[in-house]
Amino acid sequence: MQQAEQFSGSTVSSGSDRLQAEADALITSIILQKMSDKNIQRRTLLIAGTALQNNGHQGKVKTWLTKKLLALLPDIFQTINNNSDRDDTSLASALGRFLTVQMRIKNQAAESTTFHRADRRADDTAAFMDDFLSNIDFGELYEMVSGSHDDVRLLARTLSDMLLEQHTGKLAALLPSIVEAVNLLVEALNIVLDHKKDLPPDFVADFIAGLINLLDGKALGTLLDQKNELVRLLNTGGLLQGDGHVSLFQQAVSVKTAETISGINPDLYFKMMTARAGLKESIQAGMLEGIETSPEIIGKVIVSKAQTGNSQVRILKRKIKLLLNLSEQDLQENITCLINDIDADEISELADLTISLAANVLKSKPGLVEEILSNIISGIDTDAFEDTFARLTKEIFVAINPFVSVLMPSLVNGLVELLSESLNQNTDQLPSALLRLSNILKTVRRE
């Protein structure tokens, strides 16, 4: 301690010998005191920061101090984490100033000519990472990460609150750094994943399968079960507490939606929907323009659709096989339940409302459908359409020819029975329609 106390009022010397002596004394004091003296910790950061700022370009001093400081930082952070005296922020202030100095030196070094010697930096980085990987325990890292959820949540909550409430200016300066950090992460991932070509497929598959095996499947199943039960309770409780067939949940959503709608400007909402559609169109148009520059990608997209369709067919086939694996009694019971659960009245009412809506629209504006279809058809090349339709129908009829002998008798008999029943109902329009059809067929036969 006596060695450390002599530094309390002194000015840091710019000489490397003096600096090394002070740092050695501080390191000895910290080790002896087991990081209990916050003043020693603070002076360590200040001396290291000042040394790096004054002697940042003296490689020997910088390297030596960096190694010394890295050896101390774990204990310093541990002390900060365990510090119960929340009013003493001097150590945190010193740490903040030290990191600022470190970043300033890094930025200054990036502007120097020696920093841009890629070969030298590559060798230094390789040596550094070799020492780093040789001494780090990734097992301990995994335990730290897996056990840090509470700490990360607390840190994120505290940091966001302080940035939003007390340091909004620094928040504005931090956001671009976050974007750049994401860019750096993406670039680093691209470099790391580029080595996948050097890995055998069986290793990659086995590695990913191992990560999946680490997941607690039973816990995930329990979580899904809890979610299912929550949904059931919400629905059941809402019906029990509701009014008639309207659940409590529906009432709450209805009231809150009405309150929300009352504060919305309809004109602004319309403009927003229009603008959102325009933005979506712009994004998709931009993506398509970008894809248009690569015909190879377009071809691969087309080919991939077939593979995707094949996968969907195989999935559907497996689902049907699951049904076929059921016993005849179980299949019958489940199909019966399915049919009974279908609300035919609701479907009928939906169809009736749709027809009524269409009737009202056509009544209010006669010729609407004709106008829309005419506008569409007017832009179609009739010659190309005729040729395409002829080819298409010919190929379809050739393809289904084996089934004609099976399908046609049933279709003709069904049509005859339908017409016979309609005639028995004394429908006035049907005889005239059949007469017109007969006259057309006779005309076609004569021609």
Protein backbone atom coordinates (compact mmCIF):
# COMPACT_ATOMS: atom_id res chain seq x y z
CA MET A 1 0.00 0.00 0.00
CA GLN A 2 2.85 2.41 0.73
CA GLN A 3 4.04 2.05 -2.82
CA ALA A 4 0.60 2.92 -4.11
CA GLU A 5 0.01 5.89 -1.79
CA GLN A 6 2.99 7.79 -3.13
CA PHE A 7 1.19 8.13 -6.48
CA SER A 8 -1.92 9.80 -5.11
CA GLY A 9 -0.80 13.36 -5.76
CA SER A 10 1.88 12.88 -8.35
CA THR A 11 1.77 13.61 -12.08
CA VAL A 12 2.35 10.76 -14.46
CA SER A 13 5.79 10.95 -16.02
CA SER A 14 6.11 10.65 -19.76
CA GLY A 15 9.21 8.48 -19.41
CA SER A 16 8.67 4.80 -19.96
CA ASP A 17 10.91 3.82 -16.99
CA ARG A 18 8.94 5.95 -14.56
CA LEU A 19 5.69 4.72 -16.03
CA GLN A 20 6.71 1.09 -15.78
CA ALA A 21 7.80 1.52 -12.16
CA GLU A 22 4.47 3.07 -11.19
CA ALA A 23 2.49 0.43 -13.00
CA ASP A 24 4.53 -2.40 -11.43
CA ALA A 25 3.93 -0.92 -7.98
CA LEU A 26 0.22 -0.58 -8.63
CA ILE A 27 -0.02 -4.14 -9.92
CA THR A 28 1.74 -5.40 -6.78
CA SER A 29 -0.61 -3.39 -4.60
CA ILE A 30 -3.70 -4.67 -6.42
CA ILE A 31 -2.56 -8.24 -6.09
CA LEU A 32 -1.81 -7.81 -2.37
CA GLN A 33 -5.09 -6.03 -1.64
CA LYS A 34 -7.12 -8.38 -3.88
CA MET A 35 -8.71 -5.44 -5.61
CA SER A 36 -10.24 -4.05 -2.40
CA ASP A 37 -8.93 -0.47 -2.80
CA LYS A 38 -10.99 1.38 -5.41
CA ASN A 39 -8.50 4.27 -5.45
CA ILE A 40 -5.77 1.88 -6.65
CA GLN A 41 -8.05 0.54 -9.34
CA ARG A 42 -8.90 4.04 -10.51
CA ARG A 43 -5.26 5.12 -10.59
CA THR A 44 -4.39 2.01 -12.60
CA LEU A 45 -6.86 2.96 -15.31
CA LEU A 46 -5.77 6.62 -15.29
CA ILE A 47 -2.07 5.77 -15.56
CA ALA A 48 -2.67 3.24 -18.31
CA GLY A 49 -4.92 5.63 -20.18
CA THR A 50 -2.46 8.53 -19.87
CA ALA A 51 0.42 6.31 -20.91
CA LEU A 52 -1.40 5.16 -24.00
CA GLN A 53 -2.40 8.72 -24.84
CA ASN A 54 1.12 10.17 -24.40
CA ASN A 55 3.08 7.21 -25.69
CA GLY A 56 0.58 5.59 -28.03
CA HIS A 57 3.02 5.46 -30.90
CA GLN A 58 5.83 3.96 -28.80
CA GLY A 59 5.17 0.38 -29.64
CA LYS A 60 7.16 -1.13 -26.78
CA VAL A 61 5.47 0.90 -24.03
CA LYS A 62 2.05 0.44 -25.58
CA THR A 63 2.43 -3.31 -25.92
CA TRP A 64 3.76 -3.72 -22.38
CA LEU A 65 1.01 -1.61 -20.81
CA THR A 66 -1.69 -3.31 -22.83
CA LYS A 67 -0.60 -6.72 -21.59
CA LYS A 68 -0.47 -5.47 -18.00
CA LEU A 69 -3.90 -3.89 -18.25
CA LEU A 70 -5.49 -6.94 -19.86
CA ALA A 71 -4.22 -8.98 -16.93
CA LEU A 72 -5.95 -6.55 -14.54
CA LEU A 73 -9.27 -5.91 -16.30
CA PRO A 74 -11.02 -9.15 -15.19
CA ASP A 75 -10.39 -8.28 -11.52
CA ILE A 76 -11.42 -4.65 -12.10
CA PHE A 77 -14.70 -5.67 -13.75
CA GLN A 78 -15.31 -8.22 -10.99
CA THR A 79 -14.87 -5.48 -8.38
CA ILE A 80 -17.18 -3.12 -10.24
CA ASN A 81 -19.81 -5.87 -10.46
CA ASN A 82 -19.54 -6.69 -6.74
CA ASN A 83 -19.29 -3.08 -5.57
CA SER A 84 -22.16 -2.37 -3.17
CA ASP A 85 -21.35 1.34 -2.81
CA ARG A 86 -23.48 2.73 -5.67
CA ASP A 87 -22.58 6.36 -4.89
CA ASP A 88 -18.89 5.86 -5.72
CA THR A 89 -18.70 6.14 -9.51
CA SER A 90 -15.04 7.20 -9.75
CA LEU A 91 -13.91 3.76 -10.90
CA ALA A 92 -16.57 3.63 -13.61
CA SER A 93 -15.58 7.15 -14.71
CA ALA A 94 -11.94 6.13 -14.95
CA LEU A 95 -12.90 3.07 -16.98
CA GLY A 96 -14.98 5.19 -19.34
CA ARG A 97 -12.10 7.63 -19.87
CA PHE A 98 -9.65 4.79 -20.44
CA LEU A 99 -11.85 3.18 -23.08
CA THR A 100 -12.26 6.57 -24.78
CA VAL A 101 -8.48 6.95 -24.93
CA GLN A 102 -8.17 3.45 -26.35
CA MET A 103 -10.67 4.22 -29.10
CA ARG A 104 -8.95 7.53 -29.90
CA ILE A 105 -5.58 5.79 -30.26
CA LYS A 106 -7.15 3.15 -32.47
CA ASN A 107 -8.65 5.85 -34.70
CA GLN A 108 -5.33 7.70 -34.89
CA ALA A 109 -3.51 4.48 -35.73
CA ALA A 110 -6.00 3.77 -38.51
CA GLU A 111 -4.95 7.03 -40.16
CA SER A 112 -1.24 6.25 -40.07
CA THR A 113 0.60 4.66 -42.96
CA THR A 114 2.02 1.79 -40.91
CA PHE A 115 -1.46 0.69 -39.85
CA HIS A 116 -2.42 0.04 -43.44
CA ARG A 117 0.34 -2.50 -44.02
CA ALA A 118 -1.94 -5.46 -44.48
CA ASP A 119 0.79 -8.09 -44.26
CA ARG A 120 2.06 -6.79 -40.94
CA ARG A 121 -1.40 -6.49 -39.46
CA ALA A 122 -2.28 -9.99 -40.67
CA ASP A 123 0.78 -11.47 -38.94
CA ASP A 124 0.10 -9.55 -35.72
CA THR A 125 -3.55 -10.55 -35.75
CA ALA A 126 -2.74 -14.19 -36.39
CA ALA A 127 -0.24 -14.25 -33.51
CA PHE A 128 -2.70 -12.49 -31.21
CA MET A 129 -5.57 -14.83 -32.06
CA ASP A 130 -3.33 -17.87 -31.65
CA ASP A 131 -2.42 -16.80 -28.12
CA PHE A 132 -6.04 -15.85 -27.45
CA LEU A 133 -7.50 -19.17 -28.60
CA SER A 134 -4.79 -21.11 -26.76
CA ASN A 135 -5.70 -19.55 -23.43
CA ILE A 136 -9.46 -19.08 -23.58
CA ASP A 137 -11.81 -21.74 -22.24
CA PHE A 138 -14.91 -21.90 -24.46
CA GLY A 139 -16.58 -24.17 -21.95
CA GLU A 140 -16.40 -21.38 -19.39
CA LEU A 141 -17.59 -18.97 -22.09
CA TYR A 142 -20.66 -21.14 -22.74
CA GLU A 143 -21.47 -21.29 -19.03
CA MET A 144 -21.06 -17.52 -18.73
CA VAL A 145 -23.32 -16.82 -21.72
CA SER A 146 -25.98 -19.33 -20.70
CA GLY A 147 -26.01 -17.91 -17.16
CA SER A 148 -26.04 -14.23 -18.12
CA HIS A 149 -29.66 -13.81 -19.18
CA ASP A 150 -30.65 -11.86 -16.07
CA ASP A 151 -27.54 -9.68 -16.21
CA VAL A 152 -28.02 -8.90 -19.91
CA ARG A 153 -31.68 -8.01 -19.37
CA LEU A 154 -30.76 -5.75 -16.45
CA LEU A 155 -27.93 -4.11 -18.40
CA ALA A 156 -30.11 -3.57 -21.47
CA ARG A 157 -32.95 -2.12 -19.39
CA THR A 158 -30.67 0.18 -17.38
CA LEU A 159 -28.68 1.30 -20.42
CA SER A 160 -31.79 2.02 -22.50
CA ASP A 161 -33.44 3.95 -19.66
CA MET A 162 -30.37 6.12 -19.08
CA LEU A 163 -29.78 6.77 -22.77
CA LEU A 164 -33.42 7.73 -23.34
CA GLU A 165 -33.81 9.84 -20.21
CA GLN A 166 -30.39 11.30 -19.43
CA HIS A 167 -28.10 10.96 -22.44
CA THR A 168 -30.27 11.40 -25.50
CA GLY A 169 -27.45 13.15 -27.36
CA LYS A 170 -25.17 10.17 -26.86
CA LEU A 171 -27.99 7.88 -27.95
CA ALA A 172 -28.16 9.72 -31.28
CA ALA A 173 -24.38 9.26 -31.64
CA LEU A 174 -24.60 5.59 -30.61
CA LEU A 175 -27.19 4.50 -33.18
CA PRO A 176 -24.89 4.91 -36.22
CA SER A 177 -22.28 2.88 -34.32
CA ILE A 178 -24.82 0.09 -33.86
CA VAL A 179 -25.51 0.08 -37.60
CA GLU A 180 -21.77 -0.10 -38.31
CA ALA A 181 -21.45 -2.90 -35.75
CA VAL A 182 -24.13 -4.83 -37.62
CA ASN A 183 -22.25 -4.21 -40.88
CA LEU A 184 -19.05 -5.50 -39.28
CA LEU A 185 -20.86 -8.54 -37.90
CA VAL A 186 -22.32 -9.34 -41.32
CA GLU A 187 -18.89 -8.96 -42.92
CA ALA A 188 -17.29 -11.17 -40.27
CA LEU A 189 -20.00 -13.81 -40.69
CA ASN A 190 -19.45 -13.78 -44.45
CA ILE A 191 -15.75 -14.44 -43.90
CA VAL A 192 -16.39 -17.18 -41.35
CA LEU A 193 -19.11 -18.88 -43.39
CA ASP A 194 -16.93 -18.71 -46.49
CA HIS A 195 -14.96 -21.58 -44.94
CA LYS A 196 -18.00 -23.82 -45.19
CA LYS A 197 -16.72 -25.01 -48.58
CA ASP A 198 -13.75 -26.53 -46.74
CA LEU A 199 -16.03 -28.57 -44.48
CA PRO A 200 -17.36 -31.98 -45.47
CA PRO A 201 -21.17 -32.16 -45.68
CA ASP A 202 -21.39 -34.97 -43.11
CA PHE A 203 -19.51 -32.84 -40.58
CA VAL A 204 -21.80 -29.84 -41.13
CA ALA A 205 -24.91 -32.01 -40.84
CA ASP A 206 -23.59 -33.73 -37.72
CA PHE A 207 -22.64 -30.39 -36.15
CA ILE A 208 -26.04 -28.78 -36.78
CA ALA A 209 -27.80 -31.93 -35.60
CA GLY A 210 -25.71 -31.74 -32.43
CA LEU A 211 -26.83 -28.17 -31.81
CA ILE A 212 -30.44 -29.23 -32.28
CA ASN A 213 -29.91 -32.09 -29.83
CA LEU A 214 -28.78 -29.55 -27.23
CA LEU A 215 -32.27 -28.06 -27.25
CA ASP A 216 -34.47 -29.23 -24.42
CA GLY A 217 -37.27 -30.82 -26.45
CA LYS A 218 -39.33 -31.66 -23.39
CA ALA A 219 -39.12 -28.08 -22.16
CA LEU A 220 -40.15 -26.81 -25.59
CA GLY A 221 -43.09 -29.22 -25.59
CA THR A 222 -44.08 -28.03 -22.12
CA LEU A 223 -43.89 -24.43 -23.30
CA LEU A 224 -46.14 -25.18 -26.27
CA ASP A 225 -48.52 -27.03 -23.97
CA GLN A 226 -48.63 -24.03 -21.64
CA LYS A 227 -49.39 -21.80 -24.62
CA ASN A 228 -52.18 -24.14 -25.74
CA GLU A 229 -53.69 -24.17 -22.26
CA LEU A 230 -53.47 -20.36 -22.06
CA VAL A 231 -55.36 -20.03 -25.34
CA ARG A 232 -58.00 -22.50 -24.15
CA LEU A 233 -58.42 -20.67 -20.83
CA LEU A 234 -58.68 -17.33 -22.60
CA ASN A 235 -61.40 -18.60 -24.92
CA THR A 236 -63.33 -20.56 -22.27
CA GLY A 237 -63.10 -17.83 -19.65
CA GLY A 238 -64.08 -15.21 -22.21
CA LEU A 239 -67.22 -17.15 -23.11
CA LEU A 240 -68.14 -17.73 -19.47
CA GLN A 241 -67.70 -14.04 -18.59
CA GLY A 242 -69.21 -12.76 -21.82
CA ASP A 243 -72.70 -11.77 -22.81
CA GLY A 244 -74.50 -14.51 -24.72
CA HIS A 245 -72.40 -15.61 -27.70
CA VAL A 246 -70.08 -12.60 -27.43
CA SER A 247 -67.02 -13.41 -25.32
CA LEU A 248 -65.48 -11.05 -22.80
CA PHE A 249 -62.33 -10.99 -24.89
CA GLN A 250 -64.29 -9.94 -27.96
CA GLN A 251 -66.03 -7.21 -25.97
CA ALA A 252 -62.72 -5.84 -24.70
CA VAL A 253 -61.21 -5.86 -28.19
CA SER A 254 -64.35 -4.23 -29.59
CA VAL A 255 -64.34 -1.43 -27.02
CA LYS A 256 -60.62 -0.77 -27.39
CA THR A 257 -60.85 -0.82 -31.17
CA ALA A 258 -63.70 1.70 -31.07
CA GLU A 259 -61.64 3.94 -28.79
CA THR A 260 -58.65 3.64 -31.09
CA ILE A 261 -60.67 4.28 -34.24
CA SER A 262 -62.18 7.42 -32.68
CA GLY A 263 -58.71 8.96 -32.59
CA ILE A 264 -57.79 8.08 -36.19
CA ASN A 265 -58.14 10.58 -38.99
CA PRO A 266 -59.89 8.68 -41.83
CA ASP A 267 -58.30 10.80 -44.54
CA LEU A 268 -54.83 10.32 -43.06
CA TYR A 269 -55.49 6.58 -42.70
CA PHE A 270 -56.46 6.39 -46.36
CA LYS A 271 -53.31 8.29 -47.34
CA MET A 272 -51.23 5.96 -45.18
CA MET A 273 -52.71 2.84 -46.79
CA THR A 274 -52.11 4.31 -50.23
CA ALA A 275 -48.55 5.28 -49.30
CA ARG A 276 -47.88 1.84 -47.81
CA ALA A 277 -49.08 0.18 -51.01
CA GLY A 278 -46.81 2.51 -52.96
CA LEU A 279 -43.84 1.71 -50.72
CA LYS A 280 -44.48 -2.01 -51.06
CA GLU A 281 -44.67 -1.63 -54.83
CA SER A 282 -41.43 0.40 -54.86
CA ILE A 283 -39.61 -2.21 -52.78
CA GLN A 284 -40.78 -5.11 -54.92
CA ALA A 285 -40.11 -3.19 -58.14
CA GLY A 286 -36.61 -2.36 -56.95
CA MET A 287 -35.96 -6.00 -56.04
CA LEU A 288 -37.21 -7.16 -59.42
CA GLU A 289 -35.07 -4.59 -61.21
CA GLY A 290 -32.07 -5.86 -59.28
CA ILE A 291 -32.90 -9.48 -60.11
CA GLU A 292 -33.40 -8.54 -63.74
CA THR A 293 -29.67 -7.85 -64.02
CA SER A 294 -28.93 -11.52 -63.34
CA PRO A 295 -30.70 -13.89 -65.78
CA GLU A 296 -29.05 -16.84 -64.07
CA ILE A 297 -30.81 -16.01 -60.80
CA ILE A 298 -34.14 -15.72 -62.60
CA GLY A 299 -33.65 -19.17 -64.11
CA LYS A 300 -32.75 -20.67 -60.74
CA VAL A 301 -35.83 -19.09 -59.17
CA ILE A 302 -38.03 -20.72 -61.82
CA VAL A 303 -36.38 -24.11 -61.32
CA SER A 304 -36.66 -23.82 -57.53
CA LYS A 305 -40.44 -23.47 -57.82
CA ALA A 306 -40.63 -27.04 -59.11
CA GLN A 307 -38.54 -28.33 -56.21
CA THR A 308 -40.68 -26.38 -53.74
CA GLY A 309 -43.83 -27.82 -55.31
CA ASN A 310 -42.39 -31.34 -55.07
CA SER A 311 -41.73 -30.82 -51.37
CA GLN A 312 -45.29 -29.64 -50.80
CA VAL A 313 -46.64 -32.66 -52.67
CA ARG A 314 -44.56 -35.02 -50.53
CA ILE A 315 -45.76 -33.29 -47.34
CA LEU A 316 -49.40 -33.62 -48.50
CA LYS A 317 -48.81 -37.27 -49.33
CA ARG A 318 -47.48 -37.91 -45.82
CA LYS A 319 -50.52 -36.20 -44.29
CA ILE A 320 -52.86 -38.38 -46.33
CA LYS A 321 -50.91 -41.48 -45.29
CA LEU A 322 -51.42 -40.48 -41.66
CA LEU A 323 -55.17 -40.52 -42.25
CA LEU A 324 -54.99 -43.88 -44.02
CA ASN A 325 -53.10 -45.34 -41.06
CA LEU A 326 -56.13 -44.73 -38.88
CA SER A 327 -58.53 -47.56 -38.35
CA GLU A 328 -61.78 -47.45 -40.32
CA GLN A 329 -63.75 -46.66 -37.17
CA ASP A 330 -61.39 -43.84 -36.05
CA LEU A 331 -61.37 -42.34 -39.55
CA GLN A 332 -65.16 -42.45 -39.72
CA GLU A 333 -65.54 -40.87 -36.29
CA ASN A 334 -63.07 -38.06 -37.07
CA ILE A 335 -64.61 -37.32 -40.47
CA THR A 336 -68.07 -37.30 -38.86
CA CYS A 337 -66.85 -34.84 -36.21
CA LEU A 338 -65.29 -32.70 -38.94
CA ILE A 339 -68.53 -32.58 -40.91
CA ASN A 340 -70.62 -31.92 -37.80
CA ASP A 341 -68.33 -29.06 -36.76
CA ILE A 342 -68.78 -27.31 -40.11
CA ASP A 343 -71.36 -24.60 -39.60
CA ALA A 344 -73.42 -24.93 -42.79
CA ASP A 345 -75.72 -22.10 -41.74
CA GLU A 346 -72.81 -19.68 -41.48
CA ILE A 347 -71.52 -20.74 -44.90
CA SER A 348 -74.99 -20.38 -46.38
CA GLU A 349 -75.40 -16.95 -44.84
CA LEU A 350 -71.98 -15.90 -46.17
CA ALA A 351 -72.95 -17.00 -49.68
CA ASP A 352 -76.28 -15.19 -49.41
CA LEU A 353 -74.63 -11.98 -48.21
CA THR A 354 -72.07 -12.19 -51.03
CA ILE A 355 -74.83 -12.64 -53.62
CA SER A 356 -76.83 -9.76 -52.12
CA LEU A 357 -73.79 -7.52 -52.19
CA ALA A 358 -73.10 -8.40 -55.83
CA ALA A 359 -76.75 -7.77 -56.69
CA ASN A 360 -76.71 -4.37 -55.00
CA VAL A 361 -73.51 -3.38 -56.79
CA LEU A 362 -74.84 -4.48 -60.19
CA LYS A 363 -78.16 -2.75 -59.55
CA SER A 364 -76.49 0.51 -58.53
CA LYS A 365 -74.17 0.44 -61.54
CA PRO A 366 -75.44 -1.73 -64.42
CA GLY A 367 -72.82 -2.91 -66.85
CA LEU A 368 -70.01 -2.77 -64.26
CA VAL A 369 -68.78 -6.33 -64.86
CA GLU A 370 -69.11 -5.88 -68.62
CA GLU A 371 -67.05 -2.70 -68.45
CA ILE A 372 -64.31 -4.31 -66.34
CA LEU A 373 -64.09 -7.43 -68.49
CA SER A 374 -64.19 -5.40 -71.70
CA ASN A 375 -61.28 -3.27 -70.50
CA ILE A 376 -59.32 -6.40 -69.67
CA ILE A 377 -60.17 -8.27 -72.86
CA SER A 378 -59.47 -5.25 -75.06
CA GLY A 379 -55.85 -5.44 -74.06
CA ILE A 380 -55.51 -9.15 -74.93
CA ASP A 381 -54.13 -10.32 -78.25
CA THR A 382 -57.09 -12.36 -79.57
CA ASP A 383 -55.02 -14.25 -82.11
CA ALA A 384 -52.52 -15.35 -79.47
CA PHE A 385 -55.36 -16.20 -77.09
CA GLU A 386 -57.13 -18.29 -79.71
CA ASP A 387 -53.97 -20.19 -80.58
CA THR A 388 -53.06 -20.76 -76.92
CA PHE A 389 -56.58 -21.86 -75.96
CA ALA A 390 -56.76 -24.28 -78.90
CA ARG A 391 -53.43 -25.86 -78.01
CA LEU A 392 -54.29 -26.00 -74.34
CA THR A 393 -57.70 -27.64 -74.78
CA LYS A 394 -56.28 -30.13 -77.28
CA GLU A 395 -53.54 -31.20 -74.88
CA ILE A 396 -55.99 -31.39 -71.97
CA PHE A 397 -58.41 -33.56 -73.92
CA VAL A 398 -55.59 -35.83 -75.10
CA ALA A 399 -54.37 -36.18 -71.50
CA ILE A 400 -57.81 -37.03 -70.06
CA ASN A 401 -58.80 -39.28 -72.96
CA PRO A 402 -58.29 -42.48 -70.91
CA PHE A 403 -60.88 -41.20 -68.43
CA VAL A 404 -63.49 -40.11 -70.98
CA SER A 405 -65.11 -43.56 -71.21
CA VAL A 406 -65.44 -43.52 -67.42
CA LEU A 407 -66.49 -39.91 -66.89
CA MET A 408 -68.79 -39.20 -69.84
CA PRO A 409 -71.59 -41.74 -69.08
CA SER A 410 -71.90 -40.42 -65.54
CA LEU A 411 -71.80 -36.78 -66.67
CA VAL A 412 -74.38 -37.31 -69.44
CA ASN A 413 -76.73 -39.32 -67.18
CA GLY A 414 -76.42 -36.69 -64.48
CA LEU A 415 -77.17 -33.89 -66.91
CA VAL A 416 -80.22 -35.73 -68.28
CA GLU A 417 -81.59 -36.34 -64.78
CA LEU A 418 -81.02 -32.70 -63.89
CA LEU A 419 -82.87 -31.52 -66.99
CA SER A 420 -85.73 -33.99 -66.39
CA GLU A 421 -86.24 -32.75 -62.85
CA SER A 422 -86.18 -29.16 -64.06
CA LEU A 423 -88.84 -29.91 -66.69
CA ASN A 424 -91.02 -31.49 -64.03
CA GLN A 425 -90.89 -28.26 -62.08
CA ASN A 426 -92.64 -26.45 -64.97
CA THR A 427 -89.89 -23.88 -65.33
CA ASP A 428 -90.87 -21.49 -68.12
CA GLN A 429 -87.35 -20.51 -69.13
CA LEU A 430 -85.85 -24.01 -69.43
CA PRO A 431 -87.86 -25.24 -72.48
CA SER A 432 -86.99 -22.11 -74.43
CA ALA A 433 -83.32 -22.49 -73.49
CA LEU A 434 -83.30 -26.12 -74.63
CA LEU A 435 -85.03 -25.13 -77.88
CA ARG A 436 -82.40 -22.49 -78.59
CA LEU A 437 -79.62 -25.03 -77.87
CA SER A 438 -81.27 -27.52 -80.24
CA ASN A 439 -81.51 -24.95 -83.03
CA ILE A 440 -77.83 -24.04 -82.60
CA LEU A 441 -76.79 -27.69 -82.80
CA LYS A 442 -78.89 -28.18 -85.96
CA THR A 443 -77.30 -25.10 -87.56
CA VAL A 444 -73.80 -26.32 -86.73
CA ARG A 445 -74.62 -29.75 -88.17
CA ARG A 446 -75.87 -28.28 -91.49
CA GLU A 447 -72.72 -26.16 -91.82
